[in-house]
Amino acid sequence: MRIAFAGTPEFALPALTALAIHHQIVGVLTQPDRKAGRGQKLAPSAVKQAAAARELPLAQPATLKSEAARSLLARWDPQLLVVVAYGLILPPDILALPPHGCINIHASLLPRWRGAAPIERAILAGDRETGVTIMQMDSGLDTGPLLLQRPVPIAESDTGGSLREKLATLGAALLLEAIEGLAAGTLHARPQPQSGVTHAAKISKAEARIDWARDAIDIEREIRAFNPWPIAVTALAAEPLRILAGRAEPGSPERASPPGCIVSVDADSMLVACGRGALRVSEVQRPGRRVLSVRDYSHSVALLGRQLG
């Protein structure tokens, strides 16, 4: 099948690779280069780099609402447009252009977690499973009819990064299955359920600031969800301290210990009092430094009895 592809981050790469192997990609859309890193130099998206490596036709329009963007897609003449974490809104004339329409890989079991950050929100909410949805796109925000869905359990050790990798791989396989069904006429979209709708708002850096007065279980989920971005952060002696790994422990280590107090330090971790329960922290990072185990960190910084926050 002749397919145009629209995507931007690494999450989209397994799908792009699968399509390049099994179908004809007539063109790739990705967002314009963005400033990144300490030097704030313009950097290409992961999809742009992959498309260039495969010598695929590539375009980076700032918007799809222009006649130029519509004309470009019309010249490519795709039978189907596949969208994966593209980041730009598709206007009605673009949605209506390919004969098989536009389909999207979404990293949740819709209608739960419509929106920008379904992976992180699922971990933050303590969901035991999530999954991948292949849907037919419409003008709403992840409101289109469903084609295929597959569930994935969320492991207690899953971070935002590890879960994203699982869902990206599954999404690519499910995408091929959906395209095969559409081409054969055996797969038909069904409306999303009206109940169970939740919204996955975009993650902000401000959310990553740890409030030690919260339940240790909630803080553990934040640490997992915000790894690898934006990384949960606290402070020690006014210096930011990133927390990359931690495990909630039930009960209270000491009734008199205020939230954020480091109540014990052992060979591998430090135990931090929370509003409810305690958090055993095992990996940290100081500004501009490498990630350290608490064991190594404690060799250079006194921790016992110190206050985080």
C-alpha atoms as a PDB file:
ATOM      1  CA  MET A   1       0.000   0.000   0.000  1.00  0.00           C
ATOM      2  CA  ARG A   2       1.163   3.576  -0.717  1.00  0.00           C
ATOM      3  CA  ILE A   3       1.524   5.201   2.707  1.00  0.00           C
ATOM      4  CA  ALA A   4       2.488   8.652   3.931  1.00  0.00           C
ATOM      5  CA  PHE A   5       3.862   8.828   7.460  1.00  0.00           C
ATOM      6  CA  ALA A   6       3.691  11.636  10.023  1.00  0.00           C
ATOM      7  CA  GLY A   7       5.705  11.402  13.247  1.00  0.00           C
ATOM      8  CA  THR A   8       8.379  13.125  15.282  1.00  0.00           C
ATOM      9  CA  PRO A   9       9.956  11.399  18.349  1.00  0.00           C
ATOM     10  CA  GLU A  10      11.654   8.045  18.890  1.00  0.00           C
ATOM     11  CA  PHE A  11       8.312   6.460  19.802  1.00  0.00           C
ATOM     12  CA  ALA A  12       7.405   6.649  16.089  1.00  0.00           C
ATOM     13  CA  LEU A  13      10.523   4.844  14.811  1.00  0.00           C
ATOM     14  CA  PRO A  14       9.391   1.195  15.154  1.00  0.00           C
ATOM     15  CA  ALA A  15       6.265   2.009  13.136  1.00  0.00           C
ATOM     16  CA  LEU A  16       8.266   3.831  10.452  1.00  0.00           C
ATOM     17  CA  THR A  17      10.684   0.900  10.202  1.00  0.00           C
ATOM     18  CA  ALA A  18       7.871  -1.649   9.940  1.00  0.00           C
ATOM     19  CA  LEU A  19       6.154   0.346   7.191  1.00  0.00           C
ATOM     20  CA  ALA A  20       9.401   0.755   5.253  1.00  0.00           C
ATOM     21  CA  ILE A  21       9.856  -3.025   5.238  1.00  0.00           C
ATOM     22  CA  HIS A  22       6.305  -4.038   4.340  1.00  0.00           C
ATOM     23  CA  HIS A  23       4.853  -1.098   2.381  1.00  0.00           C
ATOM     24  CA  GLN A  24       5.755   1.774   0.081  1.00  0.00           C
ATOM     25  CA  ILE A  25       6.343   5.006   1.994  1.00  0.00           C
ATOM     26  CA  VAL A  26       5.653   7.842  -0.425  1.00  0.00           C
ATOM     27  CA  GLY A  27       6.585  10.631   1.986  1.00  0.00           C
ATOM     28  CA  VAL A  28       7.340  11.505   5.590  1.00  0.00           C
ATOM     29  CA  LEU A  29       6.103  14.495   7.576  1.00  0.00           C
ATOM     30  CA  THR A  30       7.864  15.560  10.758  1.00  0.00           C
ATOM     31  CA  GLN A  31       8.019  18.733  12.802  1.00  0.00           C
ATOM     32  CA  PRO A  32      10.578  21.462  12.048  1.00  0.00           C
ATOM     33  CA  ASP A  33      13.972  21.206  13.727  1.00  0.00           C
ATOM     34  CA  ARG A  34      13.918  22.426  17.340  1.00  0.00           C
ATOM     35  CA  LYS A  35      16.581  23.895  19.613  1.00  0.00           C
ATOM     36  CA  ALA A  36      17.950  21.305  22.020  1.00  0.00           C
ATOM     37  CA  GLY A  37      20.782  20.733  24.478  1.00  0.00           C
ATOM     38  CA  ARG A  38      22.873  23.199  26.425  1.00  0.00           C
ATOM     39  CA  GLY A  39      23.949  25.005  23.288  1.00  0.00           C
ATOM     40  CA  GLN A  40      20.344  25.310  22.085  1.00  0.00           C
ATOM     41  CA  LYS A  41      21.355  24.355  18.570  1.00  0.00           C
ATOM     42  CA  LEU A  42      18.760  23.275  16.040  1.00  0.00           C
ATOM     43  CA  ALA A  43      18.392  19.498  16.100  1.00  0.00           C
ATOM     44  CA  PRO A  44      16.452  17.212  13.730  1.00  0.00           C
ATOM     45  CA  SER A  45      13.734  14.945  15.066  1.00  0.00           C
ATOM     46  CA  ALA A  46      14.317  11.211  15.419  1.00  0.00           C
ATOM     47  CA  VAL A  47      11.921  10.629  12.517  1.00  0.00           C
ATOM     48  CA  LYS A  48      13.753  13.102  10.282  1.00  0.00           C
ATOM     49  CA  GLN A  49      17.032  11.303  10.890  1.00  0.00           C
ATOM     50  CA  ALA A  50      15.494   7.896  10.179  1.00  0.00           C
ATOM     51  CA  ALA A  51      13.761   9.132   7.013  1.00  0.00           C
ATOM     52  CA  ALA A  52      16.974  10.709   5.739  1.00  0.00           C
ATOM     53  CA  ALA A  53      18.882   7.475   6.388  1.00  0.00           C
ATOM     54  CA  ARG A  54      16.337   5.624   4.228  1.00  0.00           C
ATOM     55  CA  GLU A  55      16.335   8.429   1.619  1.00  0.00           C
ATOM     56  CA  LEU A  56      12.580   8.886   1.938  1.00  0.00           C
ATOM     57  CA  PRO A  57      10.815  12.029   0.681  1.00  0.00           C
ATOM     58  CA  LEU A  58      10.649  14.384   3.679  1.00  0.00           C
ATOM     59  CA  ALA A  59       8.804  17.588   4.562  1.00  0.00           C
ATOM     60  CA  GLN A  60       8.713  19.679   7.746  1.00  0.00           C
ATOM     61  CA  PRO A  61       5.779  22.084   7.487  1.00  0.00           C
ATOM     62  CA  ALA A  62       5.132  24.307  10.485  1.00  0.00           C
ATOM     63  CA  THR A  63       1.421  23.707   9.977  1.00  0.00           C
ATOM     64  CA  LEU A  64      -0.821  21.446   7.903  1.00  0.00           C
ATOM     65  CA  LYS A  65      -3.499  24.114   7.588  1.00  0.00           C
ATOM     66  CA  SER A  66      -1.910  25.716   4.515  1.00  0.00           C
ATOM     67  CA  GLU A  67      -2.647  25.017   0.864  1.00  0.00           C
ATOM     68  CA  ALA A  68       1.049  24.234   0.375  1.00  0.00           C
ATOM     69  CA  ALA A  69       0.858  21.389   2.893  1.00  0.00           C
ATOM     70  CA  ARG A  70      -2.291  19.993   1.294  1.00  0.00           C
ATOM     71  CA  SER A  71      -0.759  20.197  -2.182  1.00  0.00           C
ATOM     72  CA  LEU A  72       2.350  18.394  -0.977  1.00  0.00           C
ATOM     73  CA  LEU A  73       0.341  15.503   0.434  1.00  0.00           C
ATOM     74  CA  ALA A  74      -1.778  15.382  -2.722  1.00  0.00           C
ATOM     75  CA  ARG A  75       1.376  15.062  -4.851  1.00  0.00           C
ATOM     76  CA  TRP A  76       2.515  12.139  -2.732  1.00  0.00           C
ATOM     77  CA  ASP A  77      -0.882  10.555  -3.471  1.00  0.00           C
ATOM     78  CA  PRO A  78      -0.987   8.183  -0.466  1.00  0.00           C
ATOM     79  CA  GLN A  79      -3.704   5.585  -0.043  1.00  0.00           C
ATOM     80  CA  LEU A  80      -3.311   5.961   3.727  1.00  0.00           C
ATOM     81  CA  LEU A  81      -1.726   8.430   6.144  1.00  0.00           C
ATOM     82  CA  VAL A  82      -0.243   6.912   9.318  1.00  0.00           C
ATOM     83  CA  VAL A  83       0.246   9.309  12.238  1.00  0.00           C
ATOM     84  CA  VAL A  84       2.408   8.472  15.269  1.00  0.00           C
ATOM     85  CA  ALA A  85       3.159  11.155  17.883  1.00  0.00           C
ATOM     86  CA  TYR A  86       3.362  13.795  15.161  1.00  0.00           C
ATOM     87  CA  GLY A  87       2.425  16.792  17.295  1.00  0.00           C
ATOM     88  CA  LEU A  88       0.495  18.839  14.714  1.00  0.00           C
ATOM     89  CA  ILE A  89      -3.275  18.971  14.209  1.00  0.00           C
ATOM     90  CA  LEU A  90      -4.596  17.465  10.983  1.00  0.00           C
ATOM     91  CA  PRO A  91      -7.288  19.716   9.440  1.00  0.00           C
ATOM     92  CA  PRO A  92     -10.419  18.191   7.833  1.00  0.00           C
ATOM     93  CA  ASP A  93      -9.126  18.468   4.253  1.00  0.00           C
ATOM     94  CA  ILE A  94      -6.006  16.475   5.168  1.00  0.00           C
ATOM     95  CA  LEU A  95      -8.039  13.866   7.041  1.00  0.00           C
ATOM     96  CA  ALA A  96     -10.235  13.392   3.976  1.00  0.00           C
ATOM     97  CA  LEU A  97      -7.453  13.206   1.389  1.00  0.00           C
ATOM     98  CA  PRO A  98      -6.241   9.547   1.499  1.00  0.00           C
ATOM     99  CA  PRO A  99      -8.806   6.968   0.288  1.00  0.00           C
ATOM    100  CA  HIS A 100      -8.262   4.858   3.424  1.00  0.00           C
ATOM    101  CA  GLY A 101      -8.190   7.927   5.653  1.00  0.00           C
ATOM    102  CA  CYS A 102      -5.714   8.631   8.430  1.00  0.00           C
ATOM    103  CA  ILE A 103      -4.932   6.203  11.231  1.00  0.00           C
ATOM    104  CA  ASN A 104      -3.083   6.792  14.461  1.00  0.00           C
ATOM    105  CA  ILE A 105      -1.134   4.717  16.982  1.00  0.00           C
ATOM    106  CA  HIS A 106      -2.125   5.869  20.470  1.00  0.00           C
ATOM    107  CA  ALA A 107      -0.344   4.616  23.590  1.00  0.00           C
ATOM    108  CA  SER A 108      -3.375   3.800  25.729  1.00  0.00           C
ATOM    109  CA  LEU A 109      -6.591   1.806  25.671  1.00  0.00           C
ATOM    110  CA  LEU A 110      -8.908   4.531  24.450  1.00  0.00           C
ATOM    111  CA  PRO A 111     -11.047   6.206  25.607  1.00  0.00           C
ATOM    112  CA  ARG A 112      -8.835   6.135  28.720  1.00  0.00           C
ATOM    113  CA  TRP A 113      -6.014   8.671  28.544  1.00  0.00           C
ATOM    114  CA  ARG A 114      -6.801  10.720  25.507  1.00  0.00           C
ATOM    115  CA  GLY A 115      -4.191  13.404  25.019  1.00  0.00           C
ATOM    116  CA  ALA A 116      -0.492  14.178  25.070  1.00  0.00           C
ATOM    117  CA  ALA A 117       0.929  12.060  27.916  1.00  0.00           C
ATOM    118  CA  PRO A 118      -0.969   8.756  28.163  1.00  0.00           C
ATOM    119  CA  ILE A 119       2.058   6.716  29.277  1.00  0.00           C
ATOM    120  CA  GLU A 120       3.041   8.968  32.165  1.00  0.00           C
ATOM    121  CA  ARG A 121      -0.557   9.488  33.294  1.00  0.00           C
ATOM    122  CA  ALA A 122      -1.197   5.737  33.406  1.00  0.00           C
ATOM    123  CA  ILE A 123       1.798   5.217  35.712  1.00  0.00           C
ATOM    124  CA  LEU A 124       0.900   8.224  37.874  1.00  0.00           C
ATOM    125  CA  ALA A 125      -2.641   6.923  38.326  1.00  0.00           C
ATOM    126  CA  GLY A 126      -1.418   3.495  39.388  1.00  0.00           C
ATOM    127  CA  ASP A 127      -3.073   1.742  36.439  1.00  0.00           C
ATOM    128  CA  ARG A 128      -2.250  -1.947  36.301  1.00  0.00           C
ATOM    129  CA  GLU A 129      -2.491  -2.085  32.527  1.00  0.00           C
ATOM    130  CA  THR A 130      -2.409   0.143  29.511  1.00  0.00           C
ATOM    131  CA  GLY A 131      -2.020  -0.747  25.845  1.00  0.00           C
ATOM    132  CA  VAL A 132      -2.056   0.380  22.250  1.00  0.00           C
ATOM    133  CA  THR A 133      -4.975   1.597  20.186  1.00  0.00           C
ATOM    134  CA  ILE A 134      -5.038   1.879  16.393  1.00  0.00           C
ATOM    135  CA  MET A 135      -7.783   4.344  15.559  1.00  0.00           C
ATOM    136  CA  GLN A 136      -9.264   6.082  12.561  1.00  0.00           C
ATOM    137  CA  MET A 137      -8.579   9.772  13.045  1.00  0.00           C
ATOM    138  CA  ASP A 138     -11.257  12.452  13.122  1.00  0.00           C
ATOM    139  CA  SER A 139     -11.192  16.161  13.994  1.00  0.00           C
ATOM    140  CA  GLY A 140     -11.316  15.562  17.767  1.00  0.00           C
ATOM    141  CA  LEU A 141      -8.509  14.886  20.235  1.00  0.00           C
ATOM    142  CA  ASP A 142      -8.107  11.092  20.144  1.00  0.00           C
ATOM    143  CA  THR A 143     -11.858  10.686  19.699  1.00  0.00           C
ATOM    144  CA  GLY A 144     -11.849   8.703  16.440  1.00  0.00           C
ATOM    145  CA  PRO A 145     -13.367   5.236  16.009  1.00  0.00           C
ATOM    146  CA  LEU A 146     -11.343   2.212  17.086  1.00  0.00           C
ATOM    147  CA  LEU A 147      -9.746  -0.289  14.720  1.00  0.00           C
ATOM    148  CA  LEU A 148      -7.621  -2.499  16.989  1.00  0.00           C
ATOM    149  CA  GLN A 149      -6.536  -2.573  20.637  1.00  0.00           C
ATOM    150  CA  ARG A 150      -4.068  -4.674  22.635  1.00  0.00           C
ATOM    151  CA  PRO A 151      -3.539  -4.475  26.417  1.00  0.00           C
ATOM    152  CA  VAL A 152      -0.127  -4.417  28.122  1.00  0.00           C
ATOM    153  CA  PRO A 153       0.396  -4.939  31.872  1.00  0.00           C
ATOM    154  CA  ILE A 154       2.282  -2.180  33.687  1.00  0.00           C
ATOM    155  CA  ALA A 155       5.051  -3.770  35.739  1.00  0.00           C
ATOM    156  CA  GLU A 156       5.905  -2.349  39.151  1.00  0.00           C
ATOM    157  CA  SER A 157       9.374  -1.623  37.787  1.00  0.00           C
ATOM    158  CA  ASP A 158       8.194   0.140  34.616  1.00  0.00           C
ATOM    159  CA  THR A 159       9.337   3.701  34.036  1.00  0.00           C
ATOM    160  CA  GLY A 160       7.964   6.095  31.466  1.00  0.00           C
ATOM    161  CA  GLY A 161      10.875   5.103  29.245  1.00  0.00           C
ATOM    162  CA  SER A 162      10.572   1.324  29.552  1.00  0.00           C
ATOM    163  CA  LEU A 163       6.814   1.372  29.053  1.00  0.00           C
ATOM    164  CA  ARG A 164       7.170   3.633  26.025  1.00  0.00           C
ATOM    165  CA  GLU A 165       9.532   1.129  24.411  1.00  0.00           C
ATOM    166  CA  LYS A 166       7.091  -1.745  24.970  1.00  0.00           C
ATOM    167  CA  LEU A 167       4.177   0.199  23.520  1.00  0.00           C
ATOM    168  CA  ALA A 168       6.172   1.464  20.519  1.00  0.00           C
ATOM    169  CA  THR A 169       7.133  -2.089  19.582  1.00  0.00           C
ATOM    170  CA  LEU A 170       3.602  -3.399  20.046  1.00  0.00           C
ATOM    171  CA  GLY A 171       2.177  -0.425  18.153  1.00  0.00           C
ATOM    172  CA  ALA A 172       4.279  -1.184  15.078  1.00  0.00           C
ATOM    173  CA  ALA A 173       3.084  -4.808  14.956  1.00  0.00           C
ATOM    174  CA  LEU A 174      -0.526  -3.821  15.539  1.00  0.00           C
ATOM    175  CA  LEU A 175      -0.277  -1.161  12.833  1.00  0.00           C
ATOM    176  CA  LEU A 176       0.704  -3.759  10.217  1.00  0.00           C
ATOM    177  CA  GLU A 177      -2.225  -5.931  11.295  1.00  0.00           C
ATOM    178  CA  ALA A 178      -4.616  -3.008  10.970  1.00  0.00           C
ATOM    179  CA  ILE A 179      -3.350  -2.044   7.500  1.00  0.00           C
ATOM    180  CA  GLU A 180      -3.736  -5.625   6.323  1.00  0.00           C
ATOM    181  CA  GLY A 181      -7.319  -5.637   7.567  1.00  0.00           C
ATOM    182  CA  LEU A 182      -8.126  -2.306   5.948  1.00  0.00           C
ATOM    183  CA  ALA A 183      -6.658  -3.398   2.607  1.00  0.00           C
ATOM    184  CA  ALA A 184      -8.634  -6.659   2.687  1.00  0.00           C
ATOM    185  CA  GLY A 185     -11.823  -4.930   3.784  1.00  0.00           C
ATOM    186  CA  THR A 186     -12.086  -7.200   6.822  1.00  0.00           C
ATOM    187  CA  LEU A 187     -11.385  -4.558   9.489  1.00  0.00           C
ATOM    188  CA  HIS A 188     -14.070  -2.032  10.355  1.00  0.00           C
ATOM    189  CA  ALA A 189     -13.894   0.836  12.813  1.00  0.00           C
ATOM    190  CA  ARG A 190     -16.230   1.017  15.811  1.00  0.00           C
ATOM    191  CA  PRO A 191     -17.096   4.113  17.865  1.00  0.00           C
ATOM    192  CA  GLN A 192     -15.296   4.688  21.133  1.00  0.00           C
ATOM    193  CA  PRO A 193     -17.314   3.980  24.293  1.00  0.00           C
ATOM    194  CA  GLN A 194     -18.945   7.024  25.843  1.00  0.00           C
ATOM    195  CA  SER A 195     -17.912   5.982  29.347  1.00  0.00           C
ATOM    196  CA  GLY A 196     -14.415   5.744  30.800  1.00  0.00           C
ATOM    197  CA  VAL A 197     -13.030   8.874  29.145  1.00  0.00           C
ATOM    198  CA  THR A 198      -9.966  10.383  30.851  1.00  0.00           C
ATOM    199  CA  HIS A 199      -7.577  13.061  29.639  1.00  0.00           C
ATOM    200  CA  ALA A 200      -3.779  12.816  29.701  1.00  0.00           C
ATOM    201  CA  ALA A 201      -2.591  16.393  30.039  1.00  0.00           C
ATOM    202  CA  LYS A 202       0.901  17.284  28.847  1.00  0.00           C
ATOM    203  CA  ILE A 203       3.623  16.778  31.450  1.00  0.00           C
ATOM    204  CA  SER A 204       5.302  19.930  32.784  1.00  0.00           C
ATOM    205  CA  LYS A 205       8.628  20.302  34.564  1.00  0.00           C
ATOM    206  CA  ALA A 206       6.813  21.825  37.531  1.00  0.00           C
ATOM    207  CA  GLU A 207       5.057  18.506  38.160  1.00  0.00           C
ATOM    208  CA  ALA A 208       8.408  16.798  38.686  1.00  0.00           C
ATOM    209  CA  ARG A 209       9.124  18.701  41.908  1.00  0.00           C
ATOM    210  CA  ILE A 210       8.695  16.173  44.728  1.00  0.00           C
ATOM    211  CA  ASP A 211       6.304  17.078  47.539  1.00  0.00           C
ATOM    212  CA  TRP A 212       7.512  14.893  50.405  1.00  0.00           C
ATOM    213  CA  ALA A 213       4.254  15.488  52.285  1.00  0.00           C
ATOM    214  CA  ARG A 214       2.531  13.180  49.816  1.00  0.00           C
ATOM    215  CA  ASP A 215       2.096   9.428  50.121  1.00  0.00           C
ATOM    216  CA  ALA A 216       5.296   7.495  49.392  1.00  0.00           C
ATOM    217  CA  ILE A 217       3.417   5.389  46.824  1.00  0.00           C
ATOM    218  CA  ASP A 218       2.470   8.517  44.865  1.00  0.00           C
ATOM    219  CA  ILE A 219       6.055   9.772  44.967  1.00  0.00           C
ATOM    220  CA  GLU A 220       7.373   6.420  43.729  1.00  0.00           C
ATOM    221  CA  ARG A 221       4.958   6.601  40.793  1.00  0.00           C
ATOM    222  CA  GLU A 222       6.166  10.107  39.973  1.00  0.00           C
ATOM    223  CA  ILE A 223       9.792   8.959  39.963  1.00  0.00           C
ATOM    224  CA  ARG A 224       8.934   6.118  37.584  1.00  0.00           C
ATOM    225  CA  ALA A 225       6.630   8.147  35.324  1.00  0.00           C
ATOM    226  CA  PHE A 226       9.048  11.082  34.953  1.00  0.00           C
ATOM    227  CA  ASN A 227      12.035   8.916  34.015  1.00  0.00           C
ATOM    228  CA  PRO A 228      13.608   9.705  31.508  1.00  0.00           C
ATOM    229  CA  TRP A 229      11.874  13.123  31.357  1.00  0.00           C
ATOM    230  CA  PRO A 230      11.539  15.482  33.115  1.00  0.00           C
ATOM    231  CA  ILE A 231      13.041  13.468  36.053  1.00  0.00           C
ATOM    232  CA  ALA A 232      11.676  13.848  39.586  1.00  0.00           C
ATOM    233  CA  VAL A 233      13.629  16.480  41.494  1.00  0.00           C
ATOM    234  CA  THR A 234      14.071  17.686  45.065  1.00  0.00           C
ATOM    235  CA  ALA A 235      16.774  19.774  46.750  1.00  0.00           C
ATOM    236  CA  LEU A 236      19.484  19.228  49.342  1.00  0.00           C
ATOM    237  CA  ALA A 237      20.975  22.363  50.913  1.00  0.00           C
ATOM    238  CA  ALA A 238      19.374  24.451  48.134  1.00  0.00           C
ATOM    239  CA  GLU A 239      21.060  22.388  45.402  1.00  0.00           C
ATOM    240  CA  PRO A 240      18.737  20.511  43.018  1.00  0.00           C
ATOM    241  CA  LEU A 241      18.936  16.758  43.357  1.00  0.00           C
ATOM    242  CA  ARG A 242      17.338  14.468  40.788  1.00  0.00           C
ATOM    243  CA  ILE A 243      15.812  11.226  42.034  1.00  0.00           C
ATOM    244  CA  LEU A 244      15.941   8.497  39.400  1.00  0.00           C
ATOM    245  CA  ALA A 245      14.985   5.391  41.365  1.00  0.00           C
ATOM    246  CA  GLY A 246      13.031   4.842  44.564  1.00  0.00           C
ATOM    247  CA  ARG A 247      10.734   2.322  46.186  1.00  0.00           C
ATOM    248  CA  ALA A 248       7.861   3.063  48.535  1.00  0.00           C
ATOM    249  CA  GLU A 249       7.844   1.320  51.898  1.00  0.00           C
ATOM    250  CA  PRO A 250       4.725   1.099  54.080  1.00  0.00           C
ATOM    251  CA  GLY A 251       4.588   2.454  57.582  1.00  0.00           C
ATOM    252  CA  SER A 252       6.455   5.380  59.086  1.00  0.00           C
ATOM    253  CA  PRO A 253      10.161   5.098  59.963  1.00  0.00           C
ATOM    254  CA  GLU A 254       9.930   7.592  62.812  1.00  0.00           C
ATOM    255  CA  ARG A 255       6.825   9.448  63.975  1.00  0.00           C
ATOM    256  CA  ALA A 256       8.886  12.566  64.726  1.00  0.00           C
ATOM    257  CA  SER A 257      10.562  12.708  61.316  1.00  0.00           C
ATOM    258  CA  PRO A 258       9.183  15.471  59.082  1.00  0.00           C
ATOM    259  CA  PRO A 259       8.463  14.697  55.418  1.00  0.00           C
ATOM    260  CA  GLY A 260      11.683  14.887  53.417  1.00  0.00           C
ATOM    261  CA  CYS A 261      13.950  13.927  56.303  1.00  0.00           C
ATOM    262  CA  ILE A 262      16.600  11.287  55.520  1.00  0.00           C
ATOM    263  CA  VAL A 263      16.025   8.930  58.441  1.00  0.00           C
ATOM    264  CA  SER A 264      18.513   6.189  57.554  1.00  0.00           C
ATOM    265  CA  VAL A 265      21.314   5.419  55.121  1.00  0.00           C
ATOM    266  CA  ASP A 266      22.517   1.903  54.342  1.00  0.00           C
ATOM    267  CA  ALA A 267      24.934   0.370  51.857  1.00  0.00           C
ATOM    268  CA  ASP A 268      22.650   0.848  48.843  1.00  0.00           C
ATOM    269  CA  SER A 269      19.998   3.452  49.626  1.00  0.00           C
ATOM    270  CA  MET A 270      18.624   6.171  51.860  1.00  0.00           C
ATOM    271  CA  LEU A 271      15.205   6.121  53.485  1.00  0.00           C
ATOM    272  CA  VAL A 272      13.251   9.373  53.257  1.00  0.00           C
ATOM    273  CA  ALA A 273      10.204  10.114  55.403  1.00  0.00           C
ATOM    274  CA  CYS A 274       7.039  11.011  53.477  1.00  0.00           C
ATOM    275  CA  GLY A 275       3.653  12.321  54.518  1.00  0.00           C
ATOM    276  CA  ARG A 276       2.599   8.702  54.578  1.00  0.00           C
ATOM    277  CA  GLY A 277       5.139   5.879  54.570  1.00  0.00           C
ATOM    278  CA  ALA A 278       8.709   6.312  53.407  1.00  0.00           C
ATOM    279  CA  LEU A 279      10.658   6.184  50.169  1.00  0.00           C
ATOM    280  CA  ARG A 280      13.860   4.161  49.757  1.00  0.00           C
ATOM    281  CA  VAL A 281      15.966   6.104  47.229  1.00  0.00           C
ATOM    282  CA  SER A 282      18.713   4.263  45.362  1.00  0.00           C
ATOM    283  CA  GLU A 283      19.816   6.536  42.451  1.00  0.00           C
ATOM    284  CA  VAL A 284      20.393  10.300  42.351  1.00  0.00           C
ATOM    285  CA  GLN A 285      21.985  12.946  40.138  1.00  0.00           C
ATOM    286  CA  ARG A 286      23.432  16.361  40.969  1.00  0.00           C
ATOM    287  CA  PRO A 287      23.338  19.211  38.413  1.00  0.00           C
ATOM    288  CA  GLY A 288      25.735  18.580  35.558  1.00  0.00           C
ATOM    289  CA  ARG A 289      26.949  15.321  37.061  1.00  0.00           C
ATOM    290  CA  ARG A 290      26.469  11.676  36.163  1.00  0.00           C
ATOM    291  CA  VAL A 291      23.854   9.435  37.736  1.00  0.00           C
ATOM    292  CA  LEU A 292      25.106   7.934  41.009  1.00  0.00           C
ATOM    293  CA  SER A 293      24.023   5.165  43.312  1.00  0.00           C
ATOM    294  CA  VAL A 294      23.212   6.456  46.791  1.00  0.00           C
ATOM    295  CA  ARG A 295      26.176   4.369  47.964  1.00  0.00           C
ATOM    296  CA  ASP A 296      28.571   6.448  45.843  1.00  0.00           C
ATOM    297  CA  TYR A 297      26.761   9.705  46.606  1.00  0.00           C
ATOM    298  CA  SER A 298      27.004   9.111  50.356  1.00  0.00           C
ATOM    299  CA  HIS A 299      30.801   8.851  50.115  1.00  0.00           C
ATOM    300  CA  SER A 300      31.045  12.571  49.320  1.00  0.00           C
ATOM    301  CA  VAL A 301      27.930  14.014  50.979  1.00  0.00           C
ATOM    302  CA  ALA A 302      26.691  13.521  54.545  1.00  0.00           C
ATOM    303  CA  LEU A 303      23.070  12.386  54.308  1.00  0.00           C
ATOM    304  CA  LEU A 304      21.734  11.047  57.603  1.00  0.00           C
ATOM    305  CA  GLY A 305      19.311  13.464  59.247  1.00  0.00           C
ATOM    306  CA  ARG A 306      19.437  15.950  56.336  1.00  0.00           C
ATOM    307  CA  GLN A 307      16.276  17.525  54.958  1.00  0.00           C
ATOM    308  CA  LEU A 308      15.199  17.209  51.336  1.00  0.00           C
ATOM    309  CA  GLY A 309      12.743  19.594  49.726  1.00  0.00           C
END
